[in-house]
Amino acid sequence: MAARTAGASDLHTASAEARKKWSEYLAGEMNITLEDYALLSSMNLAAADTYKELEDHAIALNQSAEKLRTASAALAPEIAHIDELEAQVGELEAAVLRLDSYSKRLEEKFEALII
C-alpha cells in the first residue's frame, strides 16, 4: 500500500506539474494572440491614417482639376481669338510675299525701261 501511495503521490505531482505547464503554455498562447491583436490594431490605425491622407490628396487634386477646367473655359474665347489672329497673320504674310514678288517684278520692268 505504501507503493501505491508513493505512486499516487508521484502521479499527483506529475499531474499538478502538467497542469502548471499546460497553464503556462495557454497563457503564452493568449499573450501571443493579444500581441498579434495589438499589432493588427496599430497596423489598421496606420492604414486608416494613410487612407485619410490619400483622401485629402485626392480631394485637393479634384479641386485643382476643377480650377484648371474653370480657367481653361475662361481662356477658351481668348484662345479662339488668338487662333483667328494667327490665321490673319498667315494671310498677311501671304499678301506680303505676293506684294514683295510684285514689287520685284515691277522694279525689274522699271529698270528694264530705264536702261
PDB file of N, CA and C in Angstrom:
ATOM      1  N   MET A   1       0.802  -1.174   0.000  1.00  0.00           N
ATOM      2  CA  MET A   1       0.000   0.000   0.000  1.00  0.00           C
ATOM      3  C   MET A   1       0.855   1.252   0.000  1.00  0.00           C
ATOM      4  N   ALA A   2       2.017   1.198   0.593  1.00  0.00           N
ATOM      5  CA  ALA A   2       2.937   2.317   0.593  1.00  0.00           C
ATOM      6  C   ALA A   2       3.414   2.610  -0.814  1.00  0.00           C
ATOM      7  N   ALA A   3       3.565   1.532  -1.619  1.00  0.00           N
ATOM      8  CA  ALA A   3       3.977   1.715  -3.002  1.00  0.00           C
ATOM      9  C   ALA A   3       2.878   2.409  -3.785  1.00  0.00           C
ATOM     10  N   ARG A   4       1.667   2.011  -3.423  1.00  0.00           N
ATOM     11  CA  ARG A   4       0.555   2.637  -4.101  1.00  0.00           C
ATOM     12  C   ARG A   4       0.455   4.108  -3.717  1.00  0.00           C
ATOM     13  N   THR A   5       0.687   4.462  -2.520  1.00  0.00           N
ATOM     14  CA  THR A   5       0.630   5.833  -2.061  1.00  0.00           C
ATOM     15  C   THR A   5       1.760   6.635  -2.688  1.00  0.00           C
ATOM     16  N   ALA A   6       2.933   6.015  -2.768  1.00  0.00           N
ATOM     17  CA  ALA A   6       4.061   6.702  -3.403  1.00  0.00           C
ATOM     18  C   ALA A   6       3.776   6.927  -4.874  1.00  0.00           C
ATOM     19  N   GLY A   7       3.201   5.923  -5.545  1.00  0.00           N
ATOM     20  CA  GLY A   7       2.857   6.053  -6.967  1.00  0.00           C
ATOM     21  C   GLY A   7       1.775   7.091  -7.173  1.00  0.00           C
ATOM     22  N   ALA A   8       0.814   7.087  -6.274  1.00  0.00           N
ATOM     23  CA  ALA A   8      -0.268   8.066  -6.383  1.00  0.00           C
ATOM     24  C   ALA A   8       0.263   9.466  -6.136  1.00  0.00           C
ATOM     25  N   SER A   9       1.200   9.580  -5.189  1.00  0.00           N
ATOM     26  CA  SER A   9       1.796  10.884  -4.910  1.00  0.00           C
ATOM     27  C   SER A   9       2.603  11.372  -6.108  1.00  0.00           C
ATOM     28  N   ASP A  10       3.372  10.444  -6.729  1.00  0.00           N
ATOM     29  CA  ASP A  10       4.133  10.806  -7.929  1.00  0.00           C
ATOM     30  C   ASP A  10       3.188  11.202  -9.061  1.00  0.00           C
ATOM     31  N   LEU A  11       2.114  10.442  -9.193  1.00  0.00           N
ATOM     32  CA  LEU A  11       1.133  10.740 -10.230  1.00  0.00           C
ATOM     33  C   LEU A  11       0.476  12.096  -9.963  1.00  0.00           C
ATOM     34  N   HIS A  12       0.162  12.346  -8.715  1.00  0.00           N
ATOM     35  CA  HIS A  12      -0.447  13.629  -8.352  1.00  0.00           C
ATOM     36  C   HIS A  12       0.524  14.786  -8.633  1.00  0.00           C
ATOM     37  N   THR A  13       1.812  14.595  -8.290  1.00  0.00           N
ATOM     38  CA  THR A  13       2.825  15.615  -8.538  1.00  0.00           C
ATOM     39  C   THR A  13       2.995  15.843 -10.038  1.00  0.00           C
ATOM     40  N   ALA A  14       3.072  14.753 -10.799  1.00  0.00           N
ATOM     41  CA  ALA A  14       3.226  14.856 -12.250  1.00  0.00           C
ATOM     42  C   ALA A  14       2.006  15.523 -12.869  1.00  0.00           C
ATOM     43  N   SER A  15       0.838  15.172 -12.367  1.00  0.00           N
ATOM     44  CA  SER A  15      -0.389  15.764 -12.877  1.00  0.00           C
ATOM     45  C   SER A  15      -0.431  17.268 -12.577  1.00  0.00           C
ATOM     46  N   ALA A  16      -0.044  17.648 -11.372  1.00  0.00           N
ATOM     47  CA  ALA A  16      -0.017  19.063 -10.995  1.00  0.00           C
ATOM     48  C   ALA A  16       0.997  19.815 -11.846  1.00  0.00           C
ATOM     49  N   GLU A  17       2.144  19.208 -12.104  1.00  0.00           N
ATOM     50  CA  GLU A  17       3.180  19.855 -12.931  1.00  0.00           C
ATOM     51  C   GLU A  17       2.694  19.988 -14.376  1.00  0.00           C
ATOM     52  N   ALA A  18       2.003  18.956 -14.856  1.00  0.00           N
ATOM     53  CA  ALA A  18       1.464  19.008 -16.221  1.00  0.00           C
ATOM     54  C   ALA A  18       0.423  20.120 -16.338  1.00  0.00           C
ATOM     55  N   ARG A  19      -0.453  20.229 -15.332  1.00  0.00           N
ATOM     56  CA  ARG A  19      -1.443  21.304 -15.342  1.00  0.00           C
ATOM     57  C   ARG A  19      -0.761  22.673 -15.323  1.00  0.00           C
ATOM     58  N   LYS A  20       0.288  22.797 -14.517  1.00  0.00           N
ATOM     59  CA  LYS A  20       1.025  24.059 -14.426  1.00  0.00           C
ATOM     60  C   LYS A  20       1.654  24.402 -15.781  1.00  0.00           C
ATOM     61  N   LYS A  21       2.311  23.406 -16.399  1.00  0.00           N
ATOM     62  CA  LYS A  21       2.948  23.638 -17.705  1.00  0.00           C
ATOM     63  C   LYS A  21       1.896  23.974 -18.765  1.00  0.00           C
ATOM     64  N   TRP A  22       0.764  23.247 -18.725  1.00  0.00           N
ATOM     65  CA  TRP A  22      -0.313  23.492 -19.680  1.00  0.00           C
ATOM     66  C   TRP A  22      -0.877  24.896 -19.483  1.00  0.00           C
ATOM     67  N   SER A  23      -1.018  25.317 -18.249  1.00  0.00           N
ATOM     68  CA  SER A  23      -1.499  26.652 -17.931  1.00  0.00           C
ATOM     69  C   SER A  23      -0.515  27.702 -18.434  1.00  0.00           C
ATOM     70  N   GLU A  24       0.776  27.476 -18.254  1.00  0.00           N
ATOM     71  CA  GLU A  24       1.797  28.404 -18.749  1.00  0.00           C
ATOM     72  C   GLU A  24       1.762  28.477 -20.277  1.00  0.00           C
ATOM     73  N   TYR A  25       1.596  27.313 -20.917  1.00  0.00           N
ATOM     74  CA  TYR A  25       1.522  27.262 -22.372  1.00  0.00           C
ATOM     75  C   TYR A  25       0.320  28.062 -22.880  1.00  0.00           C
ATOM     76  N   LEU A  26      -0.846  27.831 -22.282  1.00  0.00           N
ATOM     77  CA  LEU A  26      -2.050  28.552 -22.702  1.00  0.00           C
ATOM     78  C   LEU A  26      -1.925  30.050 -22.444  1.00  0.00           C
ATOM     79  N   ALA A  27      -1.309  30.421 -21.310  1.00  0.00           N
ATOM     80  CA  ALA A  27      -1.094  31.840 -21.022  1.00  0.00           C
ATOM     81  C   ALA A  27      -0.169  32.454 -22.075  1.00  0.00           C
ATOM     82  N   GLY A  28       0.869  31.720 -22.455  1.00  0.00           N
ATOM     83  CA  GLY A  28       1.773  32.199 -23.509  1.00  0.00           C
ATOM     84  C   GLY A  28       1.050  32.369 -24.833  1.00  0.00           C
ATOM     85  N   GLU A  29       0.215  31.405 -25.197  1.00  0.00           N
ATOM     86  CA  GLU A  29      -0.557  31.492 -26.438  1.00  0.00           C
ATOM     87  C   GLU A  29      -1.510  32.685 -26.400  1.00  0.00           C
ATOM     88  N   MET A  30      -2.130  32.900 -25.249  1.00  0.00           N
ATOM     89  CA  MET A  30      -3.031  34.047 -25.107  1.00  0.00           C
ATOM     90  C   MET A  30      -2.259  35.364 -25.242  1.00  0.00           C
ATOM     91  N   ASN A  31      -1.070  35.424 -24.642  1.00  0.00           N
ATOM     92  CA  ASN A  31      -0.246  36.638 -24.763  1.00  0.00           C
ATOM     93  C   ASN A  31       0.151  36.885 -26.207  1.00  0.00           C
ATOM     94  N   ILE A  32       0.517  35.822 -26.915  1.00  0.00           N
ATOM     95  CA  ILE A  32       0.887  35.966 -28.334  1.00  0.00           C
ATOM     96  C   ILE A  32      -0.314  36.466 -29.129  1.00  0.00           C
ATOM     97  N   THR A  33      -1.481  35.905 -28.844  1.00  0.00           N
ATOM     98  CA  THR A  33      -2.696  36.333 -29.539  1.00  0.00           C
ATOM     99  C   THR A  33      -3.000  37.795 -29.243  1.00  0.00           C
ATOM    100  N   LEU A  34      -2.841  38.197 -27.984  1.00  0.00           N
ATOM    101  CA  LEU A  34      -3.066  39.602 -27.621  1.00  0.00           C
ATOM    102  C   LEU A  34      -2.062  40.516 -28.310  1.00  0.00           C
ATOM    103  N   GLU A  35      -0.800  40.094 -28.385  1.00  0.00           N
ATOM    104  CA  GLU A  35       0.211  40.897 -29.079  1.00  0.00           C
ATOM    105  C   GLU A  35      -0.103  40.995 -30.570  1.00  0.00           C
ATOM    106  N   ASP A  36      -0.549  39.863 -31.165  1.00  0.00           N
ATOM    107  CA  ASP A  36      -0.948  39.887 -32.575  1.00  0.00           C
ATOM    108  C   ASP A  36      -2.110  40.855 -32.785  1.00  0.00           C
ATOM    109  N   TYR A  37      -3.074  40.811 -31.882  1.00  0.00           N
ATOM    110  CA  TYR A  37      -4.219  41.709 -31.979  1.00  0.00           C
ATOM    111  C   TYR A  37      -3.782  43.166 -31.853  1.00  0.00           C
ATOM    112  N   ALA A  38      -2.886  43.442 -30.918  1.00  0.00           N
ATOM    113  CA  ALA A  38      -2.398  44.814 -30.746  1.00  0.00           C
ATOM    114  C   ALA A  38      -1.656  45.281 -31.997  1.00  0.00           C
ATOM    115  N   LEU A  39      -0.834  44.386 -32.579  1.00  0.00           N
ATOM    116  CA  LEU A  39      -0.110  44.722 -33.803  1.00  0.00           C
ATOM    117  C   LEU A  39      -1.087  44.983 -34.942  1.00  0.00           C
ATOM    118  N   LEU A  40      -2.077  44.115 -35.104  1.00  0.00           N
ATOM    119  CA  LEU A  40      -3.068  44.315 -36.162  1.00  0.00           C
ATOM    120  C   LEU A  40      -3.845  45.610 -35.955  1.00  0.00           C
ATOM    121  N   SER A  41      -4.138  45.909 -34.708  1.00  0.00           N
ATOM    122  CA  SER A  41      -4.854  47.147 -34.406  1.00  0.00           C
ATOM    123  C   SER A  41      -4.018  48.364 -34.783  1.00  0.00           C
ATOM    124  N   SER A  42      -2.740  48.352 -34.434  1.00  0.00           N
ATOM    125  CA  SER A  42      -1.890  49.502 -34.788  1.00  0.00           C
ATOM    126  C   SER A  42      -1.680  49.586 -36.297  1.00  0.00           C
ATOM    127  N   MET A  43      -1.582  48.423 -36.963  1.00  0.00           N
ATOM    128  CA  MET A  43      -1.462  48.435 -38.425  1.00  0.00           C
ATOM    129  C   MET A  43      -2.743  48.984 -39.061  1.00  0.00           C
ATOM    130  N   ASN A  44      -3.881  48.636 -38.498  1.00  0.00           N
ATOM    131  CA  ASN A  44      -5.161  49.123 -39.002  1.00  0.00           C
ATOM    132  C   ASN A  44      -5.249  50.632 -38.839  1.00  0.00           C
ATOM    133  N   LEU A  45      -4.809  51.146 -37.702  1.00  0.00           N
ATOM    134  CA  LEU A  45      -4.829  52.602 -37.483  1.00  0.00           C
ATOM    135  C   LEU A  45      -3.879  53.313 -38.449  1.00  0.00           C
ATOM    136  N   ALA A  46      -2.706  52.718 -38.679  1.00  0.00           N
ATOM    137  CA  ALA A  46      -1.747  53.314 -39.621  1.00  0.00           C
ATOM    138  C   ALA A  46      -2.325  53.322 -41.035  1.00  0.00           C
ATOM    139  N   ALA A  47      -2.982  52.221 -41.413  1.00  0.00           N
ATOM    140  CA  ALA A  47      -3.594  52.156 -42.744  1.00  0.00           C
ATOM    141  C   ALA A  47      -4.716  53.189 -42.855  1.00  0.00           C
ATOM    142  N   ALA A  48      -5.500  53.340 -41.798  1.00  0.00           N
ATOM    143  CA  ALA A  48      -6.584  54.333 -41.818  1.00  0.00           C
ATOM    144  C   ALA A  48      -6.019  55.742 -41.970  1.00  0.00           C
ATOM    145  N   ASP A  49      -4.923  56.034 -41.280  1.00  0.00           N
ATOM    146  CA  ASP A  49      -4.282  57.351 -41.416  1.00  0.00           C
ATOM    147  C   ASP A  49      -3.789  57.562 -42.848  1.00  0.00           C
ATOM    148  N   THR A  50      -3.179  56.521 -43.414  1.00  0.00           N
ATOM    149  CA  THR A  50      -2.675  56.616 -44.787  1.00  0.00           C
ATOM    150  C   THR A  50      -3.826  56.858 -45.760  1.00  0.00           C
ATOM    151  N   TYR A  51      -4.919  56.117 -45.578  1.00  0.00           N
ATOM    152  CA  TYR A  51      -6.068  56.302 -46.459  1.00  0.00           C
ATOM    153  C   TYR A  51      -6.678  57.694 -46.297  1.00  0.00           C
ATOM    154  N   LYS A  52      -6.662  58.228 -45.104  1.00  0.00           N
ATOM    155  CA  LYS A  52      -7.161  59.581 -44.876  1.00  0.00           C
ATOM    156  C   LYS A  52      -6.287  60.598 -45.612  1.00  0.00           C
ATOM    157  N   GLU A  53      -4.968  60.405 -45.544  1.00  0.00           N
ATOM    158  CA  GLU A  53      -4.059  61.294 -46.269  1.00  0.00           C
ATOM    159  C   GLU A  53      -4.297  61.193 -47.771  1.00  0.00           C
ATOM    160  N   LEU A  54      -4.484  59.957 -48.264  1.00  0.00           N
ATOM    161  CA  LEU A  54      -4.756  59.779 -49.694  1.00  0.00           C
ATOM    162  C   LEU A  54      -6.072  60.447 -50.084  1.00  0.00           C
ATOM    163  N   GLU A  55      -7.066  60.357 -49.212  1.00  0.00           N
ATOM    164  CA  GLU A  55      -8.335  61.013 -49.485  1.00  0.00           C
ATOM    165  C   GLU A  55      -8.147  62.529 -49.562  1.00  0.00           C
ATOM    166  N   ASP A  56      -7.369  63.075 -48.633  1.00  0.00           N
ATOM    167  CA  ASP A  56      -7.107  64.518 -48.641  1.00  0.00           C
ATOM    168  C   ASP A  56      -6.394  64.935 -49.926  1.00  0.00           C
ATOM    169  N   HIS A  57      -5.421  64.116 -50.358  1.00  0.00           N
ATOM    170  CA  HIS A  57      -4.709  64.416 -51.608  1.00  0.00           C
ATOM    171  C   HIS A  57      -5.667  64.340 -52.803  1.00  0.00           C
ATOM    172  N   ALA A  58      -6.535  63.337 -52.804  1.00  0.00           N
ATOM    173  CA  ALA A  58      -7.483  63.191 -53.908  1.00  0.00           C
ATOM    174  C   ALA A  58      -8.440  64.377 -53.959  1.00  0.00           C
ATOM    175  N   ILE A  59      -8.888  64.826 -52.806  1.00  0.00           N
ATOM    176  CA  ILE A  59      -9.782  65.997 -52.761  1.00  0.00           C
ATOM    177  C   ILE A  59      -9.055  67.229 -53.291  1.00  0.00           C
ATOM    178  N   ALA A  60      -7.805  67.409 -52.864  1.00  0.00           N
ATOM    179  CA  ALA A  60      -7.025  68.561 -53.338  1.00  0.00           C
ATOM    180  C   ALA A  60      -6.810  68.483 -54.851  1.00  0.00           C
ATOM    181  N   LEU A  61      -6.538  67.277 -55.361  1.00  0.00           N
ATOM    182  CA  LEU A  61      -6.356  67.113 -56.805  1.00  0.00           C
ATOM    183  C   LEU A  61      -7.647  67.421 -57.561  1.00  0.00           C
ATOM    184  N   ASN A  62      -8.770  66.977 -57.032  1.00  0.00           N
ATOM    185  CA  ASN A  62     -10.058  67.286 -57.669  1.00  0.00           C
ATOM    186  C   ASN A  62     -10.314  68.783 -57.688  1.00  0.00           C
ATOM    187  N   GLN A  63     -10.002  69.454 -56.593  1.00  0.00           N
ATOM    188  CA  GLN A  63     -10.196  70.901 -56.545  1.00  0.00           C
ATOM    189  C   GLN A  63      -9.279  71.596 -57.546  1.00  0.00           C
ATOM    190  N   SER A  64      -8.032  71.143 -57.642  1.00  0.00           N
ATOM    191  CA  SER A  64      -7.100  71.729 -58.613  1.00  0.00           C
ATOM    192  C   SER A  64      -7.574  71.483 -60.036  1.00  0.00           C
ATOM    193  N   ALA A  65      -8.058  70.273 -60.298  1.00  0.00           N
ATOM    194  CA  ALA A  65      -8.550  69.947 -61.638  1.00  0.00           C
ATOM    195  C   ALA A  65      -9.757  70.823 -61.984  1.00  0.00           C
ATOM    196  N   GLU A  66     -10.622  71.043 -61.021  1.00  0.00           N
ATOM    197  CA  GLU A  66     -11.796  71.898 -61.260  1.00  0.00           C
ATOM    198  C   GLU A  66     -11.373  73.342 -61.538  1.00  0.00           C
ATOM    199  N   LYS A  67     -10.380  73.837 -60.791  1.00  0.00           N
ATOM    200  CA  LYS A  67      -9.870  75.192 -61.045  1.00  0.00           C
ATOM    201  C   LYS A  67      -9.276  75.282 -62.448  1.00  0.00           C
ATOM    202  N   LEU A  68      -8.538  74.228 -62.842  1.00  0.00           N
ATOM    203  CA  LEU A  68      -7.948  74.229 -64.191  1.00  0.00           C
ATOM    204  C   LEU A  68      -9.029  74.194 -65.266  1.00  0.00           C
ATOM    205  N   ARG A  69     -10.081  73.396 -65.045  1.00  0.00           N
ATOM    206  CA  ARG A  69     -11.178  73.353 -66.018  1.00  0.00           C
ATOM    207  C   ARG A  69     -11.848  74.724 -66.130  1.00  0.00           C
ATOM    208  N   THR A  70     -12.054  75.381 -64.996  1.00  0.00           N
ATOM    209  CA  THR A  70     -12.674  76.707 -64.997  1.00  0.00           C
ATOM    210  C   THR A  70     -11.777  77.708 -65.717  1.00  0.00           C
ATOM    211  N   ALA A  71     -10.483  77.668 -65.416  1.00  0.00           N
ATOM    212  CA  ALA A  71      -9.543  78.589 -66.066  1.00  0.00           C
ATOM    213  C   ALA A  71      -9.477  78.318 -67.566  1.00  0.00           C
ATOM    214  N   SER A  72      -9.492  77.048 -67.930  1.00  0.00           N
ATOM    215  CA  SER A  72      -9.452  76.689 -69.345  1.00  0.00           C
ATOM    216  C   SER A  72     -10.698  77.181 -70.064  1.00  0.00           C
ATOM    217  N   ALA A  73     -11.843  77.027 -69.432  1.00  0.00           N
ATOM    218  CA  ALA A  73     -13.090  77.512 -70.034  1.00  0.00           C
ATOM    219  C   ALA A  73     -13.076  79.032 -70.164  1.00  0.00           C
ATOM    220  N   ALA A  74     -12.499  79.702 -69.158  1.00  0.00           N
ATOM    221  CA  ALA A  74     -12.425  81.163 -69.211  1.00  0.00           C
ATOM    222  C   ALA A  74     -11.475  81.630 -70.316  1.00  0.00           C
ATOM    223  N   LEU A  75     -10.454  80.852 -70.572  1.00  0.00           N
ATOM    224  CA  LEU A  75      -9.477  81.230 -71.595  1.00  0.00           C
ATOM    225  C   LEU A  75      -9.882  80.794 -73.000  1.00  0.00           C
ATOM    226  N   ALA A  76     -10.902  79.976 -73.123  1.00  0.00           N
ATOM    227  CA  ALA A  76     -11.303  79.467 -74.440  1.00  0.00           C
ATOM    228  C   ALA A  76     -11.591  80.587 -75.437  1.00  0.00           C
ATOM    229  N   PRO A  77     -12.331  81.641 -75.084  1.00  0.00           N
ATOM    230  CA  PRO A  77     -12.552  82.718 -76.057  1.00  0.00           C
ATOM    231  C   PRO A  77     -11.244  83.412 -76.460  1.00  0.00           C
ATOM    232  N   GLU A  78     -10.356  83.584 -75.487  1.00  0.00           N
ATOM    233  CA  GLU A  78      -9.069  84.225 -75.802  1.00  0.00           C
ATOM    234  C   GLU A  78      -8.247  83.346 -76.750  1.00  0.00           C
ATOM    235  N   ILE A  79      -8.281  82.059 -76.519  1.00  0.00           N
ATOM    236  CA  ILE A  79      -7.543  81.131 -77.388  1.00  0.00           C
ATOM    237  C   ILE A  79      -8.136  81.148 -78.786  1.00  0.00           C
ATOM    238  N   ALA A  80      -9.460  81.197 -78.873  1.00  0.00           N
ATOM    239  CA  ALA A  80     -10.117  81.282 -80.177  1.00  0.00           C
ATOM    240  C   ALA A  80      -9.701  82.573 -80.888  1.00  0.00           C
ATOM    241  N   HIS A  81      -9.630  83.681 -80.141  1.00  0.00           N
ATOM    242  CA  HIS A  81      -9.207  84.956 -80.720  1.00  0.00           C
ATOM    243  C   HIS A  81      -7.757  84.867 -81.211  1.00  0.00           C
ATOM    244  N   ILE A  82      -6.912  84.231 -80.433  1.00  0.00           N
ATOM    245  CA  ILE A  82      -5.505  84.051 -80.848  1.00  0.00           C
ATOM    246  C   ILE A  82      -5.441  83.224 -82.126  1.00  0.00           C
ATOM    247  N   ASP A  83      -6.263  82.174 -82.215  1.00  0.00           N
ATOM    248  CA  ASP A  83      -6.296  81.363 -83.437  1.00  0.00           C
ATOM    249  C   ASP A  83      -6.729  82.199 -84.642  1.00  0.00           C
ATOM    250  N   GLU A  84      -7.730  83.070 -84.439  1.00  0.00           N
ATOM    251  CA  GLU A  84      -8.163  83.956 -85.529  1.00  0.00           C
ATOM    252  C   GLU A  84      -7.036  84.894 -85.938  1.00  0.00           C
ATOM    253  N   LEU A  85      -6.350  85.476 -84.938  1.00  0.00           N
ATOM    254  CA  LEU A  85      -5.233  86.375 -85.233  1.00  0.00           C
ATOM    255  C   LEU A  85      -4.121  85.641 -85.982  1.00  0.00           C
ATOM    256  N   GLU A  86      -3.868  84.406 -85.574  1.00  0.00           N
ATOM    257  CA  GLU A  86      -2.826  83.622 -86.252  1.00  0.00           C
ATOM    258  C   GLU A  86      -3.196  83.380 -87.713  1.00  0.00           C
ATOM    259  N   ALA A  87      -4.468  83.097 -87.966  1.00  0.00           N
ATOM    260  CA  ALA A  87      -4.911  82.904 -89.348  1.00  0.00           C
ATOM    261  C   ALA A  87      -4.772  84.203 -90.138  1.00  0.00           C
ATOM    262  N   GLN A  88      -5.116  85.331 -89.514  1.00  0.00           N
ATOM    263  CA  GLN A  88      -4.988  86.621 -90.185  1.00  0.00           C
ATOM    264  C   GLN A  88      -3.524  86.958 -90.455  1.00  0.00           C
ATOM    265  N   VAL A  89      -2.654  86.632 -89.512  1.00  0.00           N
ATOM    266  CA  VAL A  89      -1.217  86.866 -89.712  1.00  0.00           C
ATOM    267  C   VAL A  89      -0.722  86.030 -90.878  1.00  0.00           C
ATOM    268  N   GLY A  90      -1.198  84.803 -90.973  1.00  0.00           N
ATOM    269  CA  GLY A  90      -0.826  83.951 -92.112  1.00  0.00           C
ATOM    270  C   GLY A  90      -1.272  84.559 -93.425  1.00  0.00           C
ATOM    271  N   GLU A  91      -2.491  85.092 -93.444  1.00  0.00           N
ATOM    272  CA  GLU A  91      -2.998  85.754 -94.651  1.00  0.00           C
ATOM    273  C   GLU A  91      -2.162  86.988 -94.975  1.00  0.00           C
ATOM    274  N   LEU A  92      -1.805  87.781 -93.940  1.00  0.00           N
ATOM    275  CA  LEU A  92      -0.973  88.968 -94.162  1.00  0.00           C
ATOM    276  C   LEU A  92       0.410  88.581 -94.696  1.00  0.00           C
ATOM    277  N   GLU A  93       0.986  87.515 -94.157  1.00  0.00           N
ATOM    278  CA  GLU A  93       2.292  87.062 -94.648  1.00  0.00           C
ATOM    279  C   GLU A  93       2.203  86.671 -96.117  1.00  0.00           C
ATOM    280  N   ALA A  94       1.125  85.983 -96.472  1.00  0.00           N
ATOM    281  CA  ALA A  94       0.942  85.609 -97.881  1.00  0.00           C
ATOM    282  C   ALA A  94       0.797  86.859 -98.749  1.00  0.00           C
ATOM    283  N   ALA A  95       0.056  87.850 -98.263  1.00  0.00           N
ATOM    284  CA  ALA A  95      -0.114  89.094 -99.015  1.00  0.00           C
ATOM    285  C   ALA A  95       1.211  89.824 -99.146  1.00  0.00           C
ATOM    286  N   VAL A  96       2.000  89.842 -98.076  1.00  0.00           N
ATOM    287  CA  VAL A  96       3.309  90.497 -98.111  1.00  0.00           C
ATOM    288  C   VAL A  96       4.208  89.803 -99.131  1.00  0.00           C
ATOM    289  N   LEU A  97       4.181  88.491 -99.158  1.00  0.00           N
ATOM    290  CA  LEU A  97       5.004  87.759-100.132  1.00  0.00           C
ATOM    291  C   LEU A  97       4.568  88.073-101.561  1.00  0.00           C
ATOM    292  N   ARG A  98       3.258  88.137-101.786  1.00  0.00           N
ATOM    293  CA  ARG A  98       2.774  88.475-103.124  1.00  0.00           C
ATOM    294  C   ARG A  98       3.171  89.906-103.495  1.00  0.00           C
ATOM    295  N   LEU A  99       3.016  90.818-102.518  1.00  0.00           N
ATOM    296  CA  LEU A  99       3.386  92.216-102.762  1.00  0.00           C
ATOM    297  C   LEU A  99       4.877  92.347-103.019  1.00  0.00           C
ATOM    298  N   ASP A 100       5.673  91.625-102.257  1.00  0.00           N
ATOM    299  CA  ASP A 100       7.120  91.660-102.441  1.00  0.00           C
ATOM    300  C   ASP A 100       7.486  91.126-103.829  1.00  0.00           C
ATOM    301  N   SER A 101       6.859  90.050-104.214  1.00  0.00           N
ATOM    302  CA  SER A 101       7.118  89.472-105.536  1.00  0.00           C
ATOM    303  C   SER A 101       6.701  90.456-106.643  1.00  0.00           C
ATOM    304  N   TYR A 102       5.531  91.084-106.458  1.00  0.00           N
ATOM    305  CA  TYR A 102       5.048  92.046-107.435  1.00  0.00           C
ATOM    306  C   TYR A 102       5.991  93.242-107.523  1.00  0.00           C
ATOM    307  N   SER A 103       6.447  93.750-106.346  1.00  0.00           N
ATOM    308  CA  SER A 103       7.337  94.912-106.359  1.00  0.00           C
ATOM    309  C   SER A 103       8.666  94.565-107.020  1.00  0.00           C
ATOM    310  N   LYS A 104       9.156  93.343-106.859  1.00  0.00           N
ATOM    311  CA  LYS A 104      10.407  92.948-107.521  1.00  0.00           C
ATOM    312  C   LYS A 104      10.216  92.904-109.034  1.00  0.00           C
ATOM    313  N   ARG A 105       9.085  92.360-109.452  1.00  0.00           N
ATOM    314  CA  ARG A 105       8.829  92.314-110.901  1.00  0.00           C
ATOM    315  C   ARG A 105       8.668  93.731-111.462  1.00  0.00           C
ATOM    316  N   LEU A 106       7.995  94.577-110.707  1.00  0.00           N
ATOM    317  CA  LEU A 106       7.809  95.956-111.130  1.00  0.00           C
ATOM    318  C   LEU A 106       9.147  96.683-111.206  1.00  0.00           C
ATOM    319  N   GLU A 107      10.003  96.442-110.209  1.00  0.00           N
ATOM    320  CA  GLU A 107      11.334  97.054-110.204  1.00  0.00           C
ATOM    321  C   GLU A 107      12.131  96.562-111.410  1.00  0.00           C
ATOM    322  N   GLU A 108      12.025  95.291-111.734  1.00  0.00           N
ATOM    323  CA  GLU A 108      12.760  94.765-112.898  1.00  0.00           C
ATOM    324  C   GLU A 108      12.253  95.395-114.196  1.00  0.00           C
ATOM    325  N   LYS A 109      10.954  95.576-114.294  1.00  0.00           N
ATOM    326  CA  LYS A 109      10.398  96.216-115.502  1.00  0.00           C
ATOM    327  C   LYS A 109      10.838  97.672-115.576  1.00  0.00           C
ATOM    328  N   PHE A 110      10.845  98.375-114.419  1.00  0.00           N
ATOM    329  CA  PHE A 110      11.252  99.763-114.381  1.00  0.00           C
ATOM    330  C   PHE A 110      12.715  99.903-114.766  1.00  0.00           C
ATOM    331  N   GLU A 111      13.567  99.027-114.251  1.00  0.00           N
ATOM    332  CA  GLU A 111      14.992  99.064-114.599  1.00  0.00           C
ATOM    333  C   GLU A 111      15.184  98.736-116.081  1.00  0.00           C
ATOM    334  N   ALA A 112      14.357  97.833-116.575  1.00  0.00           N
ATOM    335  CA  ALA A 112      14.477  97.491-117.987  1.00  0.00           C
ATOM    336  C   ALA A 112      14.079  98.682-118.872  1.00  0.00           C
ATOM    337  N   LEU A 113      13.150  99.505-118.448  1.00  0.00           N
ATOM    338  CA  LEU A 113      12.724 100.670-119.200  1.00  0.00           C
ATOM    339  C   LEU A 113      13.776 101.793-119.123  1.00  0.00           C
ATOM    340  N   ILE A 114      14.413 101.936-117.981  1.00  0.00           N
ATOM    341  CA  ILE A 114      15.384 102.995-117.785  1.00  0.00           C
ATOM    342  C   ILE A 114      16.668 102.680-118.554  1.00  0.00           C
ATOM    343  N   ILE A 115      17.041 101.510-118.593  1.00  0.00           N
ATOM    344  CA  ILE A 115      18.322 101.148-119.197  1.00  0.00           C
ATOM    345  C   ILE A 115      18.212 101.048-120.661  1.00  0.00           C
TER     346      ILE A 115
END
